[in-house]
Amino acid sequence: MAKFKEAIGRLFSNVYVCRKCKSKVRAPIQSIIAKKVKCRRCQSKNFRPIKRVK
């Protein structure tokens, strides 16, 4: 399977995972760091970057 920059950008760019309920949220990193983004499911403000598949 070939890897394209555009496809990797769409899948992993600005995507974060809630630490509590594991749902995905797309937001800019400044908003995540400033805790301005809330999870849609559990209302938590703790996120981690999505893990890239090797």
PDB file of N, CA and C in Angstrom:
ATOM      1  N   MET A   1       0.837  -1.172   0.000  1.00  0.00           N
ATOM      2  CA  MET A   1       0.000   0.000   0.000  1.00  0.00           C
ATOM      3  C   MET A   1       0.886   1.240   0.000  1.00  0.00           C
ATOM      4  N   ALA A   2       0.644   2.116  -0.910  1.00  0.00           N
ATOM      5  CA  ALA A   2       1.432   3.339  -1.014  1.00  0.00           C
ATOM      6  C   ALA A   2       0.955   4.361   0.012  1.00  0.00           C
ATOM      7  N   LYS A   3       1.883   5.198   0.438  1.00  0.00           N
ATOM      8  CA  LYS A   3       1.545   6.250   1.393  1.00  0.00           C
ATOM      9  C   LYS A   3       1.653   7.597   0.695  1.00  0.00           C
ATOM     10  N   PHE A   4       0.612   8.382   0.789  1.00  0.00           N
ATOM     11  CA  PHE A   4       0.577   9.704   0.191  1.00  0.00           C
ATOM     12  C   PHE A   4       0.545  10.741   1.301  1.00  0.00           C
ATOM     13  N   LYS A   5       1.247  11.857   1.081  1.00  0.00           N
ATOM     14  CA  LYS A   5       1.241  12.932   2.079  1.00  0.00           C
ATOM     15  C   LYS A   5      -0.159  13.448   2.336  1.00  0.00           C
ATOM     16  N   GLU A   6      -0.949  13.569   1.286  1.00  0.00           N
ATOM     17  CA  GLU A   6      -2.303  14.104   1.420  1.00  0.00           C
ATOM     18  C   GLU A   6      -3.177  13.186   2.269  1.00  0.00           C
ATOM     19  N   ALA A   7      -3.064  11.893   2.039  1.00  0.00           N
ATOM     20  CA  ALA A   7      -3.875  10.926   2.789  1.00  0.00           C
ATOM     21  C   ALA A   7      -3.462  10.893   4.258  1.00  0.00           C
ATOM     22  N   ILE A   8      -2.172  10.919   4.523  1.00  0.00           N
ATOM     23  CA  ILE A   8      -1.693  10.922   5.910  1.00  0.00           C
ATOM     24  C   ILE A   8      -2.140  12.195   6.617  1.00  0.00           C
ATOM     25  N   GLY A   9      -2.123  13.313   5.907  1.00  0.00           N
ATOM     26  CA  GLY A   9      -2.594  14.569   6.483  1.00  0.00           C
ATOM     27  C   GLY A   9      -4.062  14.526   6.848  1.00  0.00           C
ATOM     28  N   ARG A  10      -4.874  13.924   5.981  1.00  0.00           N
ATOM     29  CA  ARG A  10      -6.311  13.828   6.275  1.00  0.00           C
ATOM     30  C   ARG A  10      -6.578  12.903   7.456  1.00  0.00           C
ATOM     31  N   LEU A  11      -5.813  11.834   7.574  1.00  0.00           N
ATOM     32  CA  LEU A  11      -6.076  10.864   8.632  1.00  0.00           C
ATOM     33  C   LEU A  11      -5.544  11.293   9.995  1.00  0.00           C
ATOM     34  N   PHE A  12      -4.380  11.926  10.038  1.00  0.00           N
ATOM     35  CA  PHE A  12      -3.717  12.170  11.315  1.00  0.00           C
ATOM     36  C   PHE A  12      -3.543  13.638  11.684  1.00  0.00           C
ATOM     37  N   SER A  13      -3.774  14.555  10.763  1.00  0.00           N
ATOM     38  CA  SER A  13      -3.539  15.964  11.052  1.00  0.00           C
ATOM     39  C   SER A  13      -4.660  16.534  11.915  1.00  0.00           C
ATOM     40  N   ASN A  14      -4.298  17.115  13.043  1.00  0.00           N
ATOM     41  CA  ASN A  14      -5.248  17.754  13.970  1.00  0.00           C
ATOM     42  C   ASN A  14      -6.296  16.797  14.513  1.00  0.00           C
ATOM     43  N   VAL A  15      -5.977  15.519  14.653  1.00  0.00           N
ATOM     44  CA  VAL A  15      -6.909  14.546  15.213  1.00  0.00           C
ATOM     45  C   VAL A  15      -6.389  14.144  16.589  1.00  0.00           C
ATOM     46  N   TYR A  16      -7.267  14.216  17.576  1.00  0.00           N
ATOM     47  CA  TYR A  16      -6.918  13.879  18.949  1.00  0.00           C
ATOM     48  C   TYR A  16      -7.953  12.918  19.511  1.00  0.00           C
ATOM     49  N   VAL A  17      -7.541  12.125  20.514  1.00  0.00           N
ATOM     50  CA  VAL A  17      -8.391  11.109  21.108  1.00  0.00           C
ATOM     51  C   VAL A  17      -8.624  11.457  22.570  1.00  0.00           C
ATOM     52  N   CYS A  18      -9.873  11.357  22.988  1.00  0.00           N
ATOM     53  CA  CYS A  18     -10.225  11.615  24.383  1.00  0.00           C
ATOM     54  C   CYS A  18      -9.594  10.541  25.265  1.00  0.00           C
ATOM     55  N   ARG A  19      -8.994  10.949  26.356  1.00  0.00           N
ATOM     56  CA  ARG A  19      -8.358   9.979  27.253  1.00  0.00           C
ATOM     57  C   ARG A  19      -9.380   9.199  28.078  1.00  0.00           C
ATOM     58  N   LYS A  20     -10.565   9.721  28.204  1.00  0.00           N
ATOM     59  CA  LYS A  20     -11.577   9.081  29.046  1.00  0.00           C
ATOM     60  C   LYS A  20     -12.448   8.101  28.268  1.00  0.00           C
ATOM     61  N   CYS A  21     -13.003   8.535  27.125  1.00  0.00           N
ATOM     62  CA  CYS A  21     -13.949   7.681  26.392  1.00  0.00           C
ATOM     63  C   CYS A  21     -13.428   7.221  25.033  1.00  0.00           C
ATOM     64  N   LYS A  22     -12.223   7.627  24.649  1.00  0.00           N
ATOM     65  CA  LYS A  22     -11.555   7.190  23.411  1.00  0.00           C
ATOM     66  C   LYS A  22     -12.240   7.644  22.125  1.00  0.00           C
ATOM     67  N   SER A  23     -13.003   8.713  22.157  1.00  0.00           N
ATOM     68  CA  SER A  23     -13.609   9.220  20.928  1.00  0.00           C
ATOM     69  C   SER A  23     -12.652  10.207  20.268  1.00  0.00           C
ATOM     70  N   LYS A  24     -12.759  10.341  18.935  1.00  0.00           N
ATOM     71  CA  LYS A  24     -11.861  11.195  18.171  1.00  0.00           C
ATOM     72  C   LYS A  24     -12.465  12.579  17.952  1.00  0.00           C
ATOM     73  N   VAL A  25     -11.599  13.602  18.020  1.00  0.00           N
ATOM     74  CA  VAL A  25     -12.007  14.985  17.815  1.00  0.00           C
ATOM     75  C   VAL A  25     -10.962  15.633  16.913  1.00  0.00           C
ATOM     76  N   ARG A  26     -11.414  16.404  15.933  1.00  0.00           N
ATOM     77  CA  ARG A  26     -10.489  17.146  15.069  1.00  0.00           C
ATOM     78  C   ARG A  26     -10.505  18.606  15.510  1.00  0.00           C
ATOM     79  N   ALA A  27      -9.340  19.099  15.940  1.00  0.00           N
ATOM     80  CA  ALA A  27      -9.226  20.481  16.413  1.00  0.00           C
ATOM     81  C   ALA A  27      -7.772  20.923  16.288  1.00  0.00           C
ATOM     82  N   PRO A  28      -7.534  22.231  16.199  1.00  0.00           N
ATOM     83  CA  PRO A  28      -6.148  22.712  16.145  1.00  0.00           C
ATOM     84  C   PRO A  28      -5.441  22.500  17.487  1.00  0.00           C
ATOM     85  N   ILE A  29      -4.125  22.344  17.412  1.00  0.00           N
ATOM     86  CA  ILE A  29      -3.349  22.015  18.607  1.00  0.00           C
ATOM     87  C   ILE A  29      -3.399  23.132  19.649  1.00  0.00           C
ATOM     88  N   GLN A  30      -3.518  24.394  19.226  1.00  0.00           N
ATOM     89  CA  GLN A  30      -3.578  25.488  20.194  1.00  0.00           C
ATOM     90  C   GLN A  30      -4.819  25.379  21.069  1.00  0.00           C
ATOM     91  N   SER A  31      -5.938  24.977  20.485  1.00  0.00           N
ATOM     92  CA  SER A  31      -7.170  24.823  21.261  1.00  0.00           C
ATOM     93  C   SER A  31      -7.084  23.647  22.220  1.00  0.00           C
ATOM     94  N   ILE A  32      -6.419  22.576  21.810  1.00  0.00           N
ATOM     95  CA  ILE A  32      -6.259  21.405  22.674  1.00  0.00           C
ATOM     96  C   ILE A  32      -5.376  21.764  23.875  1.00  0.00           C
ATOM     97  N   ILE A  33      -4.285  22.456  23.627  1.00  0.00           N
ATOM     98  CA  ILE A  33      -3.371  22.830  24.707  1.00  0.00           C
ATOM     99  C   ILE A  33      -4.032  23.801  25.676  1.00  0.00           C
ATOM    100  N   ALA A  34      -4.831  24.729  25.156  1.00  0.00           N
ATOM    101  CA  ALA A  34      -5.495  25.718  26.001  1.00  0.00           C
ATOM    102  C   ALA A  34      -6.755  25.170  26.671  1.00  0.00           C
ATOM    103  N   LYS A  35      -7.080  23.892  26.420  1.00  0.00           N
ATOM    104  CA  LYS A  35      -8.261  23.228  27.013  1.00  0.00           C
ATOM    105  C   LYS A  35      -9.561  23.920  26.632  1.00  0.00           C
ATOM    106  N   LYS A  36      -9.632  24.429  25.394  1.00  0.00           N
ATOM    107  CA  LYS A  36     -10.858  25.069  24.921  1.00  0.00           C
ATOM    108  C   LYS A  36     -11.815  24.070  24.275  1.00  0.00           C
ATOM    109  N   VAL A  37     -11.323  22.879  23.974  1.00  0.00           N
ATOM    110  CA  VAL A  37     -12.128  21.871  23.279  1.00  0.00           C
ATOM    111  C   VAL A  37     -12.620  20.844  24.290  1.00  0.00           C
ATOM    112  N   LYS A  38     -13.915  20.517  24.213  1.00  0.00           N
ATOM    113  CA  LYS A  38     -14.490  19.488  25.067  1.00  0.00           C
ATOM    114  C   LYS A  38     -14.881  18.285  24.228  1.00  0.00           C
ATOM    115  N   CYS A  39     -14.832  17.125  24.819  1.00  0.00           N
ATOM    116  CA  CYS A  39     -15.269  15.899  24.151  1.00  0.00           C
ATOM    117  C   CYS A  39     -16.782  15.952  23.969  1.00  0.00           C
ATOM    118  N   ARG A  40     -17.237  15.480  22.814  1.00  0.00           N
ATOM    119  CA  ARG A  40     -18.679  15.502  22.533  1.00  0.00           C
ATOM    120  C   ARG A  40     -19.446  14.491  23.391  1.00  0.00           C
ATOM    121  N   ARG A  41     -18.801  13.402  23.746  1.00  0.00           N
ATOM    122  CA  ARG A  41     -19.500  12.346  24.481  1.00  0.00           C
ATOM    123  C   ARG A  41     -19.464  12.535  25.993  1.00  0.00           C
ATOM    124  N   CYS A  42     -18.261  12.786  26.542  1.00  0.00           N
ATOM    125  CA  CYS A  42     -18.125  12.798  28.005  1.00  0.00           C
ATOM    126  C   CYS A  42     -17.801  14.169  28.587  1.00  0.00           C
ATOM    127  N   GLN A  43     -17.649  15.191  27.750  1.00  0.00           N
ATOM    128  CA  GLN A  43     -17.370  16.564  28.176  1.00  0.00           C
ATOM    129  C   GLN A  43     -16.000  16.723  28.840  1.00  0.00           C
ATOM    130  N   SER A  44     -15.099  15.773  28.644  1.00  0.00           N
ATOM    131  CA  SER A  44     -13.753  15.865  29.189  1.00  0.00           C
ATOM    132  C   SER A  44     -12.913  16.816  28.345  1.00  0.00           C
ATOM    133  N   LYS A  45     -11.833  17.349  28.921  1.00  0.00           N
ATOM    134  CA  LYS A  45     -10.943  18.244  28.196  1.00  0.00           C
ATOM    135  C   LYS A  45      -9.536  17.668  28.057  1.00  0.00           C
ATOM    136  N   ASN A  46      -9.372  16.391  28.345  1.00  0.00           N
ATOM    137  CA  ASN A  46      -8.072  15.735  28.267  1.00  0.00           C
ATOM    138  C   ASN A  46      -7.978  14.926  26.985  1.00  0.00           C
ATOM    139  N   PHE A  47      -7.019  15.286  26.128  1.00  0.00           N
ATOM    140  CA  PHE A  47      -6.850  14.624  24.847  1.00  0.00           C
ATOM    141  C   PHE A  47      -5.407  14.213  24.653  1.00  0.00           C
ATOM    142  N   ARG A  48      -5.199  13.247  23.763  1.00  0.00           N
ATOM    143  CA  ARG A  48      -3.869  12.836  23.337  1.00  0.00           C
ATOM    144  C   ARG A  48      -3.875  12.755  21.818  1.00  0.00           C
ATOM    145  N   PRO A  49      -2.703  12.864  21.181  1.00  0.00           N
ATOM    146  CA  PRO A  49      -2.662  12.715  19.726  1.00  0.00           C
ATOM    147  C   PRO A  49      -3.009  11.288  19.321  1.00  0.00           C
ATOM    148  N   ILE A  50      -3.568  11.121  18.139  1.00  0.00           N
ATOM    149  CA  ILE A  50      -3.914   9.798  17.639  1.00  0.00           C
ATOM    150  C   ILE A  50      -2.621   9.065  17.288  1.00  0.00           C
ATOM    151  N   LYS A  51      -2.563   7.767  17.558  1.00  0.00           N
ATOM    152  CA  LYS A  51      -1.374   6.972  17.245  1.00  0.00           C
ATOM    153  C   LYS A  51      -1.372   6.619  15.781  1.00  0.00           C
ATOM    154  N   ARG A  52      -0.232   6.772  15.142  1.00  0.00           N
ATOM    155  CA  ARG A  52      -0.095   6.436  13.724  1.00  0.00           C
ATOM    156  C   ARG A  52       0.211   4.964  13.576  1.00  0.00           C
ATOM    157  N   VAL A  53      -0.381   4.342  12.582  1.00  0.00           N
ATOM    158  CA  VAL A  53      -0.156   2.927  12.323  1.00  0.00           C
ATOM    159  C   VAL A  53       1.196   2.750  11.652  1.00  0.00           C
ATOM    160  N   LYS A  54       1.937   1.763  12.092  1.00  0.00           N
ATOM    161  CA  LYS A  54       3.253   1.524  11.514  1.00  0.00           C
ATOM    162  C   LYS A  54       3.149   0.753  10.232  1.00  0.00           C
TER     163      LYS A  54
END
